[in-house]
Amino acid sequence: MTRPGAARAISQVIMATHSPILMALPNARLLEIKRHGIAETTLEETQHFKLFREFIQSPSEFVADAFHEMKASREADQSDQDGNLFE
């Protein structure tokens, strides 16, 4: 709240978030940390938005795919561990 007659201030908020909802705020400037520096991006280009959209489009398929990827990753890790026992 400002007092009557007080000068209006411009404010800036720097926030790190994974929330597509917060990233969608009007006039938000989105910066993404990448391998070679910081780059401006759009909401639709963020990985968080893409995952959120994929989940909303088909929650059961999204979860099934996630479990399938976890299982495949565990099996690959186990295979790597089994192969290293005799080295």
C-alpha atoms as a PDB file:
ATOM      1  CA  MET A   1       0.000   0.000   0.000  1.00  0.00           C
ATOM      2  CA  THR A   2       1.297   3.478  -0.787  1.00  0.00           C
ATOM      3  CA  ARG A   3       0.659   6.613   1.142  1.00  0.00           C
ATOM      4  CA  PRO A   4      -1.130   9.458  -0.586  1.00  0.00           C
ATOM      5  CA  GLY A   5       1.424  11.685  -2.293  1.00  0.00           C
ATOM      6  CA  ALA A   6       4.211   9.075  -2.072  1.00  0.00           C
ATOM      7  CA  ALA A   7       6.238   8.344  -5.194  1.00  0.00           C
ATOM      8  CA  ARG A   8       5.306   5.148  -6.999  1.00  0.00           C
ATOM      9  CA  ALA A   9       8.046   2.554  -7.092  1.00  0.00           C
ATOM     10  CA  ILE A  10       8.736  -0.046  -9.719  1.00  0.00           C
ATOM     11  CA  SER A  11       9.441  -3.450  -8.282  1.00  0.00           C
ATOM     12  CA  GLN A  12      11.149  -6.547  -9.560  1.00  0.00           C
ATOM     13  CA  VAL A  13      10.878 -10.112  -8.339  1.00  0.00           C
ATOM     14  CA  ILE A  14      13.390 -12.805  -9.136  1.00  0.00           C
ATOM     15  CA  MET A  15      11.910 -16.246  -8.573  1.00  0.00           C
ATOM     16  CA  ALA A  16      13.071 -19.760  -9.342  1.00  0.00           C
ATOM     17  CA  THR A  17      10.081 -21.993 -10.001  1.00  0.00           C
ATOM     18  CA  HIS A  18       8.981 -25.150 -11.724  1.00  0.00           C
ATOM     19  CA  SER A  19       5.359 -24.010 -11.784  1.00  0.00           C
ATOM     20  CA  PRO A  20       3.903 -23.379 -15.236  1.00  0.00           C
ATOM     21  CA  ILE A  21       1.133 -21.449 -13.480  1.00  0.00           C
ATOM     22  CA  LEU A  22       3.575 -18.926 -11.993  1.00  0.00           C
ATOM     23  CA  MET A  23       5.531 -18.786 -15.251  1.00  0.00           C
ATOM     24  CA  ALA A  24       2.304 -17.780 -17.028  1.00  0.00           C
ATOM     25  CA  LEU A  25       1.908 -14.549 -15.031  1.00  0.00           C
ATOM     26  CA  PRO A  26       1.404 -11.528 -17.304  1.00  0.00           C
ATOM     27  CA  ASN A  27       4.632  -9.795 -18.331  1.00  0.00           C
ATOM     28  CA  ALA A  28       6.795 -12.541 -16.830  1.00  0.00           C
ATOM     29  CA  ARG A  29      10.275 -12.671 -18.318  1.00  0.00           C
ATOM     30  CA  LEU A  30      11.468 -16.263 -18.304  1.00  0.00           C
ATOM     31  CA  LEU A  31      15.166 -17.029 -18.243  1.00  0.00           C
ATOM     32  CA  GLU A  32      16.507 -20.555 -18.515  1.00  0.00           C
ATOM     33  CA  ILE A  33      19.944 -21.668 -17.410  1.00  0.00           C
ATOM     34  CA  LYS A  34      21.444 -23.731 -20.211  1.00  0.00           C
ATOM     35  CA  ARG A  35      24.775 -25.414 -20.771  1.00  0.00           C
ATOM     36  CA  HIS A  36      26.285 -22.339 -22.428  1.00  0.00           C
ATOM     37  CA  GLY A  37      24.680 -19.595 -20.361  1.00  0.00           C
ATOM     38  CA  ILE A  38      21.332 -18.006 -19.662  1.00  0.00           C
ATOM     39  CA  ALA A  39      18.740 -17.651 -22.410  1.00  0.00           C
ATOM     40  CA  GLU A  40      15.327 -16.027 -22.534  1.00  0.00           C
ATOM     41  CA  THR A  41      12.533 -18.488 -23.251  1.00  0.00           C
ATOM     42  CA  THR A  42       8.770 -18.730 -23.500  1.00  0.00           C
ATOM     43  CA  LEU A  43       6.440 -20.667 -21.270  1.00  0.00           C
ATOM     44  CA  GLU A  44       5.655 -23.134 -24.052  1.00  0.00           C
ATOM     45  CA  GLU A  45       9.374 -23.847 -24.592  1.00  0.00           C
ATOM     46  CA  THR A  46      10.055 -24.847 -20.972  1.00  0.00           C
ATOM     47  CA  GLN A  47      10.401 -28.508 -20.079  1.00  0.00           C
ATOM     48  CA  HIS A  48       8.058 -27.973 -17.132  1.00  0.00           C
ATOM     49  CA  PHE A  49       5.263 -26.741 -19.398  1.00  0.00           C
ATOM     50  CA  LYS A  50       5.792 -29.600 -21.845  1.00  0.00           C
ATOM     51  CA  LEU A  51       5.595 -32.198 -19.056  1.00  0.00           C
ATOM     52  CA  PHE A  52       2.545 -30.523 -17.505  1.00  0.00           C
ATOM     53  CA  ARG A  53       0.768 -30.398 -20.889  1.00  0.00           C
ATOM     54  CA  GLU A  54       1.611 -34.052 -21.592  1.00  0.00           C
ATOM     55  CA  PHE A  55       0.251 -35.072 -18.184  1.00  0.00           C
ATOM     56  CA  ILE A  56      -2.982 -33.075 -18.598  1.00  0.00           C
ATOM     57  CA  GLN A  57      -3.605 -34.544 -22.056  1.00  0.00           C
ATOM     58  CA  SER A  58      -3.421 -38.141 -20.792  1.00  0.00           C
ATOM     59  CA  PRO A  59      -2.642 -38.671 -17.087  1.00  0.00           C
ATOM     60  CA  SER A  60      -2.816 -42.482 -17.165  1.00  0.00           C
ATOM     61  CA  GLU A  61      -0.583 -42.735 -20.238  1.00  0.00           C
ATOM     62  CA  PHE A  62       1.882 -40.231 -18.726  1.00  0.00           C
ATOM     63  CA  VAL A  63       2.157 -42.288 -15.514  1.00  0.00           C
ATOM     64  CA  ALA A  64       2.423 -45.584 -17.409  1.00  0.00           C
ATOM     65  CA  ASP A  65       5.233 -44.166 -19.560  1.00  0.00           C
ATOM     66  CA  ALA A  66       7.032 -42.839 -16.472  1.00  0.00           C
ATOM     67  CA  PHE A  67       6.893 -46.274 -14.788  1.00  0.00           C
ATOM     68  CA  HIS A  68       8.082 -47.948 -17.994  1.00  0.00           C
ATOM     69  CA  GLU A  69      11.057 -45.539 -18.209  1.00  0.00           C
ATOM     70  CA  MET A  70      11.903 -46.107 -14.517  1.00  0.00           C
ATOM     71  CA  LYS A  71      11.818 -49.881 -14.987  1.00  0.00           C
ATOM     72  CA  ALA A  72      14.004 -49.708 -18.100  1.00  0.00           C
ATOM     73  CA  SER A  73      16.474 -47.438 -16.294  1.00  0.00           C
ATOM     74  CA  ARG A  74      16.685 -49.795 -13.297  1.00  0.00           C
ATOM     75  CA  GLU A  75      17.198 -52.787 -15.568  1.00  0.00           C
ATOM     76  CA  ALA A  76      19.985 -50.967 -17.426  1.00  0.00           C
ATOM     77  CA  ASP A  77      21.633 -50.001 -14.119  1.00  0.00           C
ATOM     78  CA  GLN A  78      21.391 -53.596 -12.883  1.00  0.00           C
ATOM     79  CA  SER A  79      22.866 -54.865 -16.155  1.00  0.00           C
ATOM     80  CA  ASP A  80      25.776 -52.423 -15.814  1.00  0.00           C
ATOM     81  CA  GLN A  81      26.394 -53.542 -12.214  1.00  0.00           C
ATOM     82  CA  ASP A  82      26.260 -57.226 -13.156  1.00  0.00           C
ATOM     83  CA  GLY A  83      28.731 -56.666 -15.971  1.00  0.00           C
ATOM     84  CA  ASN A  84      31.214 -54.891 -13.700  1.00  0.00           C
ATOM     85  CA  LEU A  85      31.485 -57.716 -11.164  1.00  0.00           C
ATOM     86  CA  PHE A  86      34.228 -59.513 -13.093  1.00  0.00           C
ATOM     87  CA  GLU A  87      36.306 -56.537 -14.211  1.00  0.00           C
END
